[in-house]
Amino acid sequence: MGELDEIYSSYAEEVFKYLMCLCHNADLSEELTQETFYQAVKSIDRYNGECKMSVWLCQIAKHSYYKHLERNKKQQRHILQEDTIHTSPEAELIYSEDKIALYRIIHLLDEPYKEVLLLRILGGLSFKEIGEIQLKNENWARVTFYRAKMKLRERGKDKNGH
């Protein structure tokens, strides 16, 4: 059990920060960090040492996040079927702000563009670290980041009518 405690204390903060880059929610990141380590304990026999422990854990964290998103989509669909949506003028104003519009555009990007963009900009990770998390190389991360920026520009122009 001591070895598991050591792994948790060594990597929990890194996994938490990675999840914060994905979801931007401290409570959810904490919950998913716990889920990540739970899943890691369940599947520790599958860790073969071919990649760093942190990379393996971040992969588990990413899958935990995607499972969370899928569960939320199902819940949202169910809620939308039961209720009609009413937006207030205040809500419309909030959604019209540039910052939210940018995050919406980023959210609509396909994977891996969205994840690479968020890891680089919000997470401050190097291209090498991003490549390791994605099980790719540094050059792949650079090219993907560049393409993500181009897609953002295209969608921004489309939205603004330019």
Protein backbone atom coordinates (compact mmCIF):
# COMPACT_ATOMS: atom_id res chain seq x y z
CA MET A 1 0.00 0.00 0.00
CA GLY A 2 2.94 2.31 0.63
CA GLU A 3 3.91 2.20 -3.04
CA LEU A 4 0.44 3.38 -4.07
CA ASP A 5 0.61 6.24 -1.57
CA GLU A 6 3.95 7.24 -3.04
CA ILE A 7 2.57 7.18 -6.59
CA TYR A 8 -0.40 9.30 -5.51
CA SER A 9 1.70 11.87 -3.70
CA SER A 10 4.13 12.06 -6.64
CA TYR A 11 1.58 12.48 -9.42
CA ALA A 12 -1.73 13.73 -8.01
CA GLU A 13 -0.92 17.41 -8.52
CA GLU A 14 0.20 16.85 -12.12
CA VAL A 15 -2.96 14.85 -12.92
CA PHE A 16 -5.10 17.54 -11.26
CA LYS A 17 -3.46 20.31 -13.33
CA TYR A 18 -3.92 18.29 -16.51
CA LEU A 19 -7.62 17.84 -15.72
CA MET A 20 -7.96 21.56 -14.95
CA CYS A 21 -6.69 22.25 -18.48
CA LEU A 22 -9.41 20.01 -19.85
CA CYS A 23 -12.42 21.05 -17.79
CA HIS A 24 -11.57 24.38 -16.07
CA ASN A 25 -13.40 23.29 -12.94
CA ALA A 26 -11.48 22.66 -9.70
CA ASP A 27 -14.19 20.54 -8.09
CA LEU A 28 -14.60 18.36 -11.16
CA SER A 29 -10.83 18.10 -11.56
CA GLU A 30 -10.49 16.92 -7.98
CA GLU A 31 -13.25 14.35 -8.46
CA LEU A 32 -11.72 13.11 -11.72
CA THR A 33 -8.26 12.96 -10.12
CA GLN A 34 -9.67 10.58 -7.53
CA GLU A 35 -11.37 8.57 -10.26
CA THR A 36 -8.10 8.46 -12.21
CA PHE A 37 -6.20 6.94 -9.32
CA TYR A 38 -9.03 4.52 -8.59
CA GLN A 39 -8.89 3.33 -12.20
CA ALA A 40 -5.09 3.20 -12.06
CA VAL A 41 -5.17 0.94 -9.00
CA LYS A 42 -7.69 -1.32 -10.73
CA SER A 43 -5.52 -1.61 -13.83
CA ILE A 44 -1.99 -1.30 -12.42
CA ASP A 45 -1.17 -4.74 -13.82
CA ARG A 46 -1.57 -3.26 -17.34
CA TYR A 47 1.10 -0.61 -16.76
CA ASN A 48 4.11 -2.01 -18.58
CA GLY A 49 6.59 0.82 -18.05
CA GLU A 50 6.85 1.71 -21.76
CA CYS A 51 5.90 5.31 -20.96
CA LYS A 52 6.32 7.52 -17.92
CA MET A 53 3.93 6.91 -15.05
CA SER A 54 2.69 10.51 -15.40
CA VAL A 55 1.83 9.96 -19.06
CA TRP A 56 -0.03 6.74 -18.24
CA LEU A 57 -1.98 8.49 -15.47
CA CYS A 58 -2.84 11.44 -17.73
CA GLN A 59 -4.18 9.01 -20.32
CA ILE A 60 -6.43 7.49 -17.66
CA ALA A 61 -7.43 11.01 -16.58
CA LYS A 62 -8.32 11.93 -20.15
CA HIS A 63 -10.52 8.85 -20.50
CA SER A 64 -12.17 9.60 -17.16
CA TYR A 65 -12.92 13.13 -18.39
CA TYR A 66 -14.39 11.83 -21.65
CA LYS A 67 -16.59 9.38 -19.72
CA HIS A 68 -17.78 12.29 -17.58
CA LEU A 69 -18.61 14.33 -20.70
CA GLU A 70 -20.53 11.44 -22.19
CA ARG A 71 -22.56 10.98 -19.00
CA ASN A 72 -23.32 14.72 -18.94
CA LYS A 73 -24.43 14.70 -22.59
CA LYS A 74 -26.91 11.95 -21.82
CA GLN A 75 -28.20 13.84 -18.78
CA GLN A 76 -28.51 17.08 -20.75
CA ARG A 77 -30.46 15.37 -23.52
CA HIS A 78 -32.81 13.98 -20.93
CA ILE A 79 -33.30 17.38 -19.27
CA LEU A 80 -33.85 19.09 -22.63
CA GLN A 81 -36.54 16.60 -23.52
CA GLU A 82 -38.39 17.37 -20.29
CA ASP A 83 -38.01 21.16 -20.26
CA THR A 84 -37.99 24.01 -22.69
CA ILE A 85 -35.08 26.38 -22.44
CA HIS A 86 -35.70 30.00 -21.51
CA THR A 87 -32.79 32.42 -21.64
CA SER A 88 -32.85 35.70 -19.82
CA PRO A 89 -31.45 38.92 -21.27
CA GLU A 90 -28.68 38.69 -18.66
CA ALA A 91 -27.70 35.22 -19.87
CA GLU A 92 -27.66 36.39 -23.48
CA LEU A 93 -25.36 39.26 -22.52
CA ILE A 94 -22.95 36.94 -20.74
CA TYR A 95 -22.79 34.60 -23.72
CA SER A 96 -22.05 37.43 -26.09
CA GLU A 97 -18.78 38.32 -24.38
CA ASP A 98 -15.62 37.71 -26.39
CA LYS A 99 -14.05 35.39 -23.85
CA ILE A 100 -17.00 33.05 -23.79
CA ALA A 101 -17.26 33.15 -27.57
CA LEU A 102 -13.62 32.11 -27.83
CA TYR A 103 -14.11 29.21 -25.42
CA ARG A 104 -17.15 28.12 -27.38
CA ILE A 105 -15.17 28.07 -30.58
CA ILE A 106 -12.40 26.11 -28.85
CA HIS A 107 -14.96 23.70 -27.41
CA LEU A 108 -16.29 23.00 -30.91
CA LEU A 109 -12.88 22.03 -32.23
CA ASP A 110 -12.37 18.36 -32.93
CA GLU A 111 -9.92 16.31 -30.94
CA PRO A 112 -6.95 16.42 -30.75
CA TYR A 113 -6.93 20.11 -31.70
CA LYS A 114 -9.01 21.20 -28.73
CA GLU A 115 -6.94 19.29 -26.20
CA VAL A 116 -3.57 20.39 -27.62
CA LEU A 117 -4.68 24.02 -27.70
CA LEU A 118 -5.91 23.94 -24.09
CA LEU A 119 -2.84 22.09 -22.82
CA ARG A 120 -0.53 24.59 -24.49
CA ILE A 121 -2.37 27.84 -23.72
CA LEU A 122 -4.03 27.18 -20.39
CA GLY A 123 -1.83 24.38 -19.10
CA GLY A 124 1.43 25.97 -20.18
CA LEU A 125 2.80 22.59 -21.20
CA SER A 126 5.68 22.28 -23.61
CA PHE A 127 5.20 20.66 -26.99
CA LYS A 128 7.32 17.77 -25.77
CA GLU A 129 5.03 17.22 -22.76
CA ILE A 130 1.94 17.46 -24.94
CA GLY A 131 3.43 14.91 -27.31
CA GLU A 132 4.13 12.54 -24.44
CA ILE A 133 0.59 12.84 -23.08
CA GLN A 134 -0.86 12.16 -26.53
CA LEU A 135 1.65 9.32 -27.11
CA LYS A 136 3.05 11.24 -30.08
CA ASN A 137 6.23 13.25 -30.66
CA GLU A 138 7.06 16.90 -30.10
CA ASN A 139 6.77 17.77 -33.78
CA TRP A 140 3.26 16.30 -33.93
CA ALA A 141 2.27 18.54 -31.01
CA ARG A 142 3.69 21.63 -32.75
CA VAL A 143 1.91 20.90 -36.03
CA THR A 144 -1.37 20.07 -34.28
CA PHE A 145 -1.17 23.30 -32.25
CA TYR A 146 -0.55 25.31 -35.43
CA ARG A 147 -3.49 23.64 -37.18
CA ALA A 148 -5.71 24.26 -34.15
CA LYS A 149 -4.84 27.98 -34.29
CA MET A 150 -5.70 28.05 -38.00
CA LYS A 151 -9.05 26.38 -37.31
CA LEU A 152 -9.74 28.97 -34.59
CA ARG A 153 -9.03 31.78 -37.02
CA GLU A 154 -11.28 30.24 -39.67
CA ARG A 155 -14.16 29.77 -37.23
CA GLY A 156 -13.65 33.25 -35.80
CA LYS A 157 -13.86 34.76 -39.28
CA ASP A 158 -16.95 32.69 -40.09
CA LYS A 159 -18.66 33.81 -36.87
CA ASN A 160 -17.80 37.50 -37.45
CA GLY A 161 -18.76 37.37 -41.11
CA HIS A 162 -15.32 38.38 -42.41
